[in-house]
Amino acid sequence: MLDETNGQCPVARALEVLGDRWALMILRDAFDGLRRFSEFQKNLGLAKNILASRLKLLVESGLLALQPASDGSAYKEYVLTEKGRSVFPLVIALRQWGEQFLFEAGETRSALLDRATGETLETLQVRARDGRALGPDECQRTVVQHG
């Protein structure tokens, strides 16, 4: 539960849904095309009860939707919603940070490539409206009322 100060913070609210490692790993797998409970369970090696609770949270939060299987079978599939697809840049930012700081030279890792060109992705940057790259020292936090 968020207190008043953290309740005004978009980061704190996002972490209420996405702050669990498994939630982000499930979304990563959904971006890779996984849709069925058994696929997530096999790929993540996660206990079924934990996977079920994380999938339920992602559905309740509107990031995934549960629908009948696309092949007409009795199974259900978890599909990304627009809200879920909007998490993609966050997952890419985490991936790029991990690539830069958490691997030794020559260490094996997965790569994410542009399907059209086969090239690696451009490194994400925070940019001002005029296109300037911004760091933490060039930004400030303030409370605003949206209506």
C-alpha atoms as a PDB file:
ATOM      1  CA  MET A   1       0.000   0.000   0.000  1.00  0.00           C
ATOM      2  CA  LEU A   2       1.351   3.409  -0.970  1.00  0.00           C
ATOM      3  CA  ASP A   3       1.508   6.324   1.448  1.00  0.00           C
ATOM      4  CA  GLU A   4       0.456   9.815   0.317  1.00  0.00           C
ATOM      5  CA  THR A   5       3.941  10.862  -0.845  1.00  0.00           C
ATOM      6  CA  ASN A   6       4.613   7.650  -2.754  1.00  0.00           C
ATOM      7  CA  GLY A   7       1.043   7.607  -4.035  1.00  0.00           C
ATOM      8  CA  GLN A   8       1.871  10.768  -6.006  1.00  0.00           C
ATOM      9  CA  CYS A   9       4.956   9.125  -7.517  1.00  0.00           C
ATOM     10  CA  PRO A  10       4.475   7.391 -10.884  1.00  0.00           C
ATOM     11  CA  VAL A  11       7.552   5.200 -10.200  1.00  0.00           C
ATOM     12  CA  ALA A  12       6.056   3.924  -6.931  1.00  0.00           C
ATOM     13  CA  ARG A  13       2.738   3.166  -8.618  1.00  0.00           C
ATOM     14  CA  ALA A  14       4.447   1.367 -11.502  1.00  0.00           C
ATOM     15  CA  LEU A  15       6.441  -0.737  -9.042  1.00  0.00           C
ATOM     16  CA  GLU A  16       3.198  -1.857  -7.374  1.00  0.00           C
ATOM     17  CA  VAL A  17       2.504  -3.770 -10.608  1.00  0.00           C
ATOM     18  CA  LEU A  18       5.933  -4.243 -12.193  1.00  0.00           C
ATOM     19  CA  GLY A  19       8.282  -4.285  -9.195  1.00  0.00           C
ATOM     20  CA  ASP A  20       8.321  -8.058  -8.991  1.00  0.00           C
ATOM     21  CA  ARG A  21      11.030  -9.761 -11.033  1.00  0.00           C
ATOM     22  CA  TRP A  22       8.610 -12.380 -12.326  1.00  0.00           C
ATOM     23  CA  ALA A  23       6.115  -9.837 -13.645  1.00  0.00           C
ATOM     24  CA  LEU A  24       8.781  -8.346 -15.903  1.00  0.00           C
ATOM     25  CA  MET A  25      10.061 -11.772 -16.963  1.00  0.00           C
ATOM     26  CA  ILE A  26       6.515 -12.836 -17.902  1.00  0.00           C
ATOM     27  CA  LEU A  27       6.090  -9.657 -19.943  1.00  0.00           C
ATOM     28  CA  ARG A  28       9.479 -10.236 -21.584  1.00  0.00           C
ATOM     29  CA  ASP A  29       8.305 -13.709 -22.608  1.00  0.00           C
ATOM     30  CA  ALA A  30       4.984 -12.306 -23.833  1.00  0.00           C
ATOM     31  CA  PHE A  31       6.936  -9.877 -26.048  1.00  0.00           C
ATOM     32  CA  ASP A  32       8.769 -12.949 -27.387  1.00  0.00           C
ATOM     33  CA  GLY A  33       5.427 -14.509 -28.343  1.00  0.00           C
ATOM     34  CA  LEU A  34       4.648 -16.836 -25.435  1.00  0.00           C
ATOM     35  CA  ARG A  35       0.930 -16.992 -24.649  1.00  0.00           C
ATOM     36  CA  ARG A  36       0.076 -20.128 -22.706  1.00  0.00           C
ATOM     37  CA  PHE A  37       0.533 -20.886 -19.024  1.00  0.00           C
ATOM     38  CA  SER A  38       2.571 -24.002 -19.864  1.00  0.00           C
ATOM     39  CA  GLU A  39       4.904 -21.999 -22.135  1.00  0.00           C
ATOM     40  CA  PHE A  40       5.595 -19.417 -19.433  1.00  0.00           C
ATOM     41  CA  GLN A  41       6.093 -22.155 -16.829  1.00  0.00           C
ATOM     42  CA  LYS A  42       8.514 -24.123 -19.019  1.00  0.00           C
ATOM     43  CA  ASN A  43      10.516 -21.071 -20.082  1.00  0.00           C
ATOM     44  CA  LEU A  44      10.749 -19.459 -16.628  1.00  0.00           C
ATOM     45  CA  GLY A  45      10.945 -22.623 -14.508  1.00  0.00           C
ATOM     46  CA  LEU A  46       8.648 -20.880 -12.050  1.00  0.00           C
ATOM     47  CA  ALA A  47       6.459 -22.733  -9.559  1.00  0.00           C
ATOM     48  CA  LYS A  48       2.912 -22.979 -10.903  1.00  0.00           C
ATOM     49  CA  ASN A  49       1.327 -21.215  -7.910  1.00  0.00           C
ATOM     50  CA  ILE A  50       3.683 -18.236  -8.212  1.00  0.00           C
ATOM     51  CA  LEU A  51       3.193 -18.049 -11.978  1.00  0.00           C
ATOM     52  CA  ALA A  52      -0.588 -18.192 -11.543  1.00  0.00           C
ATOM     53  CA  SER A  53      -0.540 -15.325  -9.025  1.00  0.00           C
ATOM     54  CA  ARG A  54       1.704 -13.140 -11.218  1.00  0.00           C
ATOM     55  CA  LEU A  55      -0.404 -13.798 -14.314  1.00  0.00           C
ATOM     56  CA  LYS A  56      -3.536 -12.948 -12.323  1.00  0.00           C
ATOM     57  CA  LEU A  57      -1.969  -9.625 -11.217  1.00  0.00           C
ATOM     58  CA  LEU A  58      -0.954  -8.784 -14.789  1.00  0.00           C
ATOM     59  CA  VAL A  59      -4.495  -9.532 -16.021  1.00  0.00           C
ATOM     60  CA  GLU A  60      -6.101  -7.540 -13.164  1.00  0.00           C
ATOM     61  CA  SER A  61      -3.732  -4.644 -13.904  1.00  0.00           C
ATOM     62  CA  GLY A  62      -4.749  -4.651 -17.564  1.00  0.00           C
ATOM     63  CA  LEU A  63      -1.336  -5.597 -18.962  1.00  0.00           C
ATOM     64  CA  LEU A  64      -2.450  -9.021 -20.183  1.00  0.00           C
ATOM     65  CA  ALA A  65      -5.856 -10.291 -21.249  1.00  0.00           C
ATOM     66  CA  LEU A  66      -7.025 -13.882 -21.025  1.00  0.00           C
ATOM     67  CA  GLN A  67      -8.718 -15.151 -24.174  1.00  0.00           C
ATOM     68  CA  PRO A  68      -9.612 -18.454 -25.856  1.00  0.00           C
ATOM     69  CA  ALA A  69      -6.678 -20.172 -27.560  1.00  0.00           C
ATOM     70  CA  SER A  70      -6.044 -19.025 -31.129  1.00  0.00           C
ATOM     71  CA  ASP A  71      -5.910 -22.645 -32.331  1.00  0.00           C
ATOM     72  CA  GLY A  72      -9.464 -23.378 -31.202  1.00  0.00           C
ATOM     73  CA  SER A  73      -8.398 -25.734 -28.421  1.00  0.00           C
ATOM     74  CA  ALA A  74      -9.846 -25.645 -24.911  1.00  0.00           C
ATOM     75  CA  TYR A  75      -6.794 -23.765 -23.608  1.00  0.00           C
ATOM     76  CA  LYS A  76      -6.691 -20.088 -22.704  1.00  0.00           C
ATOM     77  CA  GLU A  77      -3.990 -17.690 -23.815  1.00  0.00           C
ATOM     78  CA  TYR A  78      -2.511 -14.587 -22.226  1.00  0.00           C
ATOM     79  CA  VAL A  79      -2.175 -11.773 -24.737  1.00  0.00           C
ATOM     80  CA  LEU A  80      -0.613  -8.368 -24.335  1.00  0.00           C
ATOM     81  CA  THR A  81      -3.003  -5.448 -24.170  1.00  0.00           C
ATOM     82  CA  GLU A  82      -2.106  -1.977 -25.401  1.00  0.00           C
ATOM     83  CA  LYS A  83      -1.181  -1.143 -21.791  1.00  0.00           C
ATOM     84  CA  GLY A  84       1.030  -4.237 -21.660  1.00  0.00           C
ATOM     85  CA  ARG A  85       2.701  -3.461 -24.995  1.00  0.00           C
ATOM     86  CA  SER A  86       3.534   0.019 -23.665  1.00  0.00           C
ATOM     87  CA  VAL A  87       5.908  -1.614 -21.131  1.00  0.00           C
ATOM     88  CA  PHE A  88       8.196  -2.644 -24.022  1.00  0.00           C
ATOM     89  CA  PRO A  89      10.529   0.412 -23.776  1.00  0.00           C
ATOM     90  CA  LEU A  90      10.960  -0.273 -20.044  1.00  0.00           C
ATOM     91  CA  VAL A  91      11.992  -3.864 -20.726  1.00  0.00           C
ATOM     92  CA  ILE A  92      14.380  -2.653 -23.439  1.00  0.00           C
ATOM     93  CA  ALA A  93      15.889  -0.094 -21.048  1.00  0.00           C
ATOM     94  CA  LEU A  94      16.470  -2.822 -18.437  1.00  0.00           C
ATOM     95  CA  ARG A  95      17.956  -5.105 -21.096  1.00  0.00           C
ATOM     96  CA  GLN A  96      20.332  -2.425 -22.341  1.00  0.00           C
ATOM     97  CA  TRP A  97      21.410  -1.490 -18.824  1.00  0.00           C
ATOM     98  CA  GLY A  98      22.050  -5.171 -18.065  1.00  0.00           C
ATOM     99  CA  GLU A  99      24.045  -5.592 -21.280  1.00  0.00           C
ATOM    100  CA  GLN A 100      26.200  -2.581 -20.452  1.00  0.00           C
ATOM    101  CA  PHE A 101      26.904  -3.248 -16.779  1.00  0.00           C
ATOM    102  CA  LEU A 102      26.221  -6.875 -15.849  1.00  0.00           C
ATOM    103  CA  PHE A 103      28.200  -8.954 -18.350  1.00  0.00           C
ATOM    104  CA  GLU A 104      31.921  -9.520 -18.646  1.00  0.00           C
ATOM    105  CA  ALA A 105      33.650  -9.177 -22.028  1.00  0.00           C
ATOM    106  CA  GLY A 106      33.127 -12.315 -24.091  1.00  0.00           C
ATOM    107  CA  GLU A 107      30.341 -13.642 -21.861  1.00  0.00           C
ATOM    108  CA  THR A 108      27.428 -15.273 -23.709  1.00  0.00           C
ATOM    109  CA  ARG A 109      24.138 -13.377 -23.641  1.00  0.00           C
ATOM    110  CA  SER A 110      20.953 -13.065 -25.614  1.00  0.00           C
ATOM    111  CA  ALA A 111      20.564 -10.226 -28.087  1.00  0.00           C
ATOM    112  CA  LEU A 112      17.530  -8.368 -29.347  1.00  0.00           C
ATOM    113  CA  LEU A 113      17.608  -7.512 -33.038  1.00  0.00           C
ATOM    114  CA  ASP A 114      15.483  -5.450 -35.394  1.00  0.00           C
ATOM    115  CA  ARG A 115      13.570  -8.057 -37.460  1.00  0.00           C
ATOM    116  CA  ALA A 116      13.714  -5.891 -40.599  1.00  0.00           C
ATOM    117  CA  THR A 117      17.470  -5.250 -40.592  1.00  0.00           C
ATOM    118  CA  GLY A 118      18.986  -7.845 -38.248  1.00  0.00           C
ATOM    119  CA  GLU A 119      20.816  -5.032 -36.461  1.00  0.00           C
ATOM    120  CA  THR A 120      20.968  -4.339 -32.737  1.00  0.00           C
ATOM    121  CA  LEU A 121      18.754  -1.603 -31.350  1.00  0.00           C
ATOM    122  CA  GLU A 122      19.807   1.984 -30.734  1.00  0.00           C
ATOM    123  CA  THR A 123      20.479   2.670 -27.056  1.00  0.00           C
ATOM    124  CA  LEU A 124      17.456   4.309 -25.443  1.00  0.00           C
ATOM    125  CA  GLN A 125      17.949   7.824 -24.118  1.00  0.00           C
ATOM    126  CA  VAL A 126      15.810  10.308 -22.244  1.00  0.00           C
ATOM    127  CA  ARG A 127      15.284  13.292 -24.486  1.00  0.00           C
ATOM    128  CA  ALA A 128      13.857  16.779 -24.079  1.00  0.00           C
ATOM    129  CA  ARG A 129      11.050  17.839 -26.390  1.00  0.00           C
ATOM    130  CA  ASP A 130      13.650  19.579 -28.584  1.00  0.00           C
ATOM    131  CA  GLY A 131      15.661  16.352 -28.952  1.00  0.00           C
ATOM    132  CA  ARG A 132      18.485  17.057 -26.480  1.00  0.00           C
ATOM    133  CA  ALA A 133      19.670  14.023 -24.487  1.00  0.00           C
ATOM    134  CA  LEU A 134      18.980  14.580 -20.774  1.00  0.00           C
ATOM    135  CA  GLY A 135      20.646  13.172 -17.691  1.00  0.00           C
ATOM    136  CA  PRO A 136      19.445  13.246 -14.083  1.00  0.00           C
ATOM    137  CA  ASP A 137      21.001  16.678 -13.485  1.00  0.00           C
ATOM    138  CA  GLU A 138      18.915  18.224 -16.278  1.00  0.00           C
ATOM    139  CA  CYS A 139      15.551  17.023 -14.894  1.00  0.00           C
ATOM    140  CA  GLN A 140      13.478  17.976 -11.871  1.00  0.00           C
ATOM    141  CA  ARG A 141      10.470  16.386 -10.215  1.00  0.00           C
ATOM    142  CA  THR A 142       7.357  18.355  -9.400  1.00  0.00           C
ATOM    143  CA  VAL A 143       3.774  17.570  -8.453  1.00  0.00           C
ATOM    144  CA  VAL A 144       1.145  18.418 -11.067  1.00  0.00           C
ATOM    145  CA  GLN A 145      -2.630  18.094 -11.212  1.00  0.00           C
ATOM    146  CA  HIS A 146      -3.931  16.379 -14.352  1.00  0.00           C
ATOM    147  CA  GLY A 147      -7.566  16.862 -15.195  1.00  0.00           C
END
